[in-house]
Amino acid sequence: MLDIDTIQTVRHYIKKEIEKTKDHICYGIDKLDQLHYAKGKLNGLETLLQDLKDLQNREDNVDDINQT
């Protein structure tokens, strides 16, 4: 898997994109189509962030098992 610095960098980028998307939803939506697109993007980014956390936890658990 990737080293911890790479994972942290990716997480940071995803969190920044989530915040930008939330701000866009609050202040920059003019049409209903834009709202649907932004909500879908937000959902995808949050799912990706959760998947990264789950994969890292799973890898940590495997490492713990292999060390014992």
N, C-alpha and C. Protein backbone atom coordinates (compact mmCIF):
# COMPACT_ATOMS: atom_id res chain seq x y z
N MET A 1 0.85 -1.18 0.00
CA MET A 1 0.00 0.00 0.00
C MET A 1 0.89 1.24 0.00
N LEU A 2 0.29 2.38 -0.10
CA LEU A 2 1.01 3.65 -0.13
C LEU A 2 1.53 4.01 1.27
N ASP A 3 2.58 4.82 1.29
CA ASP A 3 3.11 5.26 2.58
C ASP A 3 2.15 6.26 3.23
N ILE A 4 2.35 6.49 4.50
CA ILE A 4 1.43 7.32 5.28
C ILE A 4 1.39 8.76 4.80
N ASP A 5 2.53 9.29 4.33
CA ASP A 5 2.56 10.67 3.85
C ASP A 5 1.69 10.84 2.61
N THR A 6 1.73 9.88 1.71
CA THR A 6 0.91 9.94 0.50
C THR A 6 -0.57 9.88 0.86
N ILE A 7 -0.92 9.00 1.77
CA ILE A 7 -2.31 8.87 2.19
C ILE A 7 -2.80 10.16 2.83
N GLN A 8 -1.97 10.76 3.68
CA GLN A 8 -2.35 12.01 4.33
C GLN A 8 -2.52 13.13 3.31
N THR A 9 -1.66 13.17 2.30
CA THR A 9 -1.76 14.19 1.26
C THR A 9 -3.06 14.03 0.48
N VAL A 10 -3.40 12.80 0.13
CA VAL A 10 -4.64 12.54 -0.60
C VAL A 10 -5.84 12.91 0.25
N ARG A 11 -5.82 12.53 1.53
CA ARG A 11 -6.91 12.88 2.43
C ARG A 11 -7.09 14.39 2.54
N HIS A 12 -5.97 15.10 2.66
CA HIS A 12 -6.02 16.56 2.76
C HIS A 12 -6.66 17.16 1.51
N TYR A 13 -6.26 16.67 0.34
CA TYR A 13 -6.82 17.16 -0.91
C TYR A 13 -8.33 16.89 -0.97
N ILE A 14 -8.74 15.70 -0.58
CA ILE A 14 -10.16 15.35 -0.61
C ILE A 14 -10.95 16.24 0.34
N LYS A 15 -10.41 16.46 1.54
CA LYS A 15 -11.10 17.32 2.51
C LYS A 15 -11.24 18.75 1.99
N LYS A 16 -10.20 19.26 1.32
CA LYS A 16 -10.29 20.60 0.73
C LYS A 16 -11.37 20.64 -0.34
N GLU A 17 -11.45 19.61 -1.17
CA GLU A 17 -12.48 19.55 -2.21
C GLU A 17 -13.87 19.47 -1.60
N ILE A 18 -14.01 18.75 -0.50
CA ILE A 18 -15.30 18.66 0.19
C ILE A 18 -15.72 20.05 0.68
N GLU A 19 -14.80 20.77 1.29
CA GLU A 19 -15.11 22.12 1.78
C GLU A 19 -15.47 23.06 0.63
N LYS A 20 -14.72 22.99 -0.46
CA LYS A 20 -15.03 23.84 -1.61
C LYS A 20 -16.41 23.52 -2.17
N THR A 21 -16.75 22.24 -2.22
CA THR A 21 -18.05 21.83 -2.75
C THR A 21 -19.17 22.29 -1.82
N LYS A 22 -18.96 22.18 -0.51
CA LYS A 22 -19.97 22.66 0.44
C LYS A 22 -20.19 24.16 0.30
N ASP A 23 -19.09 24.91 0.17
CA ASP A 23 -19.22 26.35 -0.03
C ASP A 23 -19.97 26.66 -1.33
N HIS A 24 -19.68 25.90 -2.37
CA HIS A 24 -20.36 26.11 -3.65
C HIS A 24 -21.86 25.82 -3.51
N ILE A 25 -22.20 24.78 -2.77
CA ILE A 25 -23.61 24.46 -2.55
C ILE A 25 -24.30 25.60 -1.81
N CYS A 26 -23.62 26.16 -0.82
CA CYS A 26 -24.22 27.24 -0.01
C CYS A 26 -24.33 28.56 -0.75
N TYR A 27 -23.32 28.89 -1.55
CA TYR A 27 -23.24 30.25 -2.08
C TYR A 27 -23.24 30.38 -3.60
N GLY A 28 -23.04 29.28 -4.33
CA GLY A 28 -22.85 29.44 -5.76
C GLY A 28 -23.80 28.69 -6.66
N ILE A 29 -24.87 28.15 -6.12
CA ILE A 29 -25.81 27.36 -6.92
C ILE A 29 -26.89 28.28 -7.49
N ASP A 30 -27.04 28.23 -8.81
CA ASP A 30 -28.07 29.02 -9.48
C ASP A 30 -29.21 28.17 -10.01
N LYS A 31 -28.91 26.92 -10.34
CA LYS A 31 -29.91 26.06 -10.96
C LYS A 31 -29.98 24.74 -10.22
N LEU A 32 -31.11 24.09 -10.36
CA LEU A 32 -31.33 22.80 -9.71
C LEU A 32 -30.35 21.75 -10.21
N ASP A 33 -30.01 21.79 -11.50
CA ASP A 33 -29.05 20.83 -12.05
C ASP A 33 -27.69 20.97 -11.38
N GLN A 34 -27.28 22.20 -11.11
CA GLN A 34 -26.01 22.44 -10.43
C GLN A 34 -26.04 21.87 -9.01
N LEU A 35 -27.17 22.00 -8.35
CA LEU A 35 -27.32 21.46 -7.01
C LEU A 35 -27.19 19.94 -7.02
N HIS A 36 -27.86 19.29 -7.95
CA HIS A 36 -27.77 17.83 -8.05
C HIS A 36 -26.35 17.38 -8.33
N TYR A 37 -25.67 18.08 -9.22
CA TYR A 37 -24.29 17.74 -9.55
C TYR A 37 -23.39 17.91 -8.32
N ALA A 38 -23.53 19.03 -7.62
CA ALA A 38 -22.68 19.29 -6.45
C ALA A 38 -22.95 18.29 -5.33
N LYS A 39 -24.21 17.93 -5.13
CA LYS A 39 -24.53 16.94 -4.10
C LYS A 39 -23.95 15.58 -4.46
N GLY A 40 -23.99 15.21 -5.73
CA GLY A 40 -23.39 13.95 -6.17
C GLY A 40 -21.88 13.96 -5.99
N LYS A 41 -21.26 15.08 -6.32
CA LYS A 41 -19.81 15.21 -6.15
C LYS A 41 -19.45 15.10 -4.67
N LEU A 42 -20.20 15.78 -3.82
CA LEU A 42 -19.96 15.74 -2.38
C LEU A 42 -20.10 14.32 -1.85
N ASN A 43 -21.13 13.63 -2.28
CA ASN A 43 -21.34 12.25 -1.85
C ASN A 43 -20.17 11.37 -2.29
N GLY A 44 -19.72 11.54 -3.52
CA GLY A 44 -18.60 10.75 -4.03
C GLY A 44 -17.31 11.01 -3.27
N LEU A 45 -17.04 12.27 -2.96
CA LEU A 45 -15.82 12.61 -2.21
C LEU A 45 -15.87 12.05 -0.79
N GLU A 46 -17.03 12.16 -0.14
CA GLU A 46 -17.15 11.63 1.21
C GLU A 46 -17.04 10.11 1.23
N THR A 47 -17.57 9.46 0.22
CA THR A 47 -17.45 8.01 0.11
C THR A 47 -15.99 7.61 -0.11
N LEU A 48 -15.30 8.34 -0.97
CA LEU A 48 -13.88 8.07 -1.22
C LEU A 48 -13.06 8.24 0.05
N LEU A 49 -13.32 9.28 0.81
CA LEU A 49 -12.61 9.51 2.06
C LEU A 49 -12.86 8.37 3.04
N GLN A 50 -14.09 7.92 3.15
CA GLN A 50 -14.41 6.81 4.04
C GLN A 50 -13.75 5.52 3.57
N ASP A 51 -13.72 5.27 2.27
CA ASP A 51 -13.06 4.08 1.73
C ASP A 51 -11.57 4.09 2.04
N LEU A 52 -10.94 5.24 1.94
CA LEU A 52 -9.51 5.34 2.29
C LEU A 52 -9.29 5.01 3.76
N LYS A 53 -10.15 5.53 4.63
CA LYS A 53 -10.03 5.23 6.06
C LYS A 53 -10.22 3.74 6.32
N ASP A 54 -11.21 3.14 5.68
CA ASP A 54 -11.47 1.71 5.86
C ASP A 54 -10.30 0.86 5.38
N LEU A 55 -9.74 1.21 4.23
CA LEU A 55 -8.60 0.46 3.71
C LEU A 55 -7.39 0.59 4.62
N GLN A 56 -7.16 1.77 5.14
CA GLN A 56 -6.02 1.96 6.04
C GLN A 56 -6.23 1.17 7.33
N ASN A 57 -7.44 1.19 7.87
CA ASN A 57 -7.73 0.41 9.08
C ASN A 57 -7.56 -1.08 8.83
N ARG A 58 -8.03 -1.54 7.68
CA ARG A 58 -7.89 -2.95 7.34
C ARG A 58 -6.42 -3.33 7.22
N GLU A 59 -5.63 -2.46 6.59
CA GLU A 59 -4.20 -2.73 6.44
C GLU A 59 -3.51 -2.73 7.80
N ASP A 60 -3.89 -1.81 8.68
CA ASP A 60 -3.32 -1.77 10.02
C ASP A 60 -3.65 -3.04 10.79
N ASN A 61 -4.88 -3.53 10.65
CA ASN A 61 -5.28 -4.77 11.32
C ASN A 61 -4.48 -5.95 10.80
N VAL A 62 -4.24 -6.02 9.51
CA VAL A 62 -3.46 -7.11 8.92
C VAL A 62 -2.03 -7.04 9.42
N ASP A 63 -1.47 -5.83 9.49
CA ASP A 63 -0.11 -5.65 10.00
C ASP A 63 -0.02 -6.10 11.45
N ASP A 64 -1.03 -5.77 12.26
CA ASP A 64 -1.03 -6.18 13.67
C ASP A 64 -1.08 -7.70 13.79
N ILE A 65 -1.88 -8.35 12.98
CA ILE A 65 -1.99 -9.81 13.01
C ILE A 65 -0.67 -10.45 12.59
N ASN A 66 -0.04 -9.91 11.56
CA ASN A 66 1.22 -10.47 11.07
C ASN A 66 2.36 -10.28 12.05
N GLN A 67 2.30 -9.27 12.90
CA GLN A 67 3.38 -9.03 13.86
C GLN A 67 3.27 -9.92 15.08
N THR A 68 2.10 -10.49 15.34
CA THR A 68 1.95 -11.34 16.52
C THR A 68 2.26 -12.76 16.23
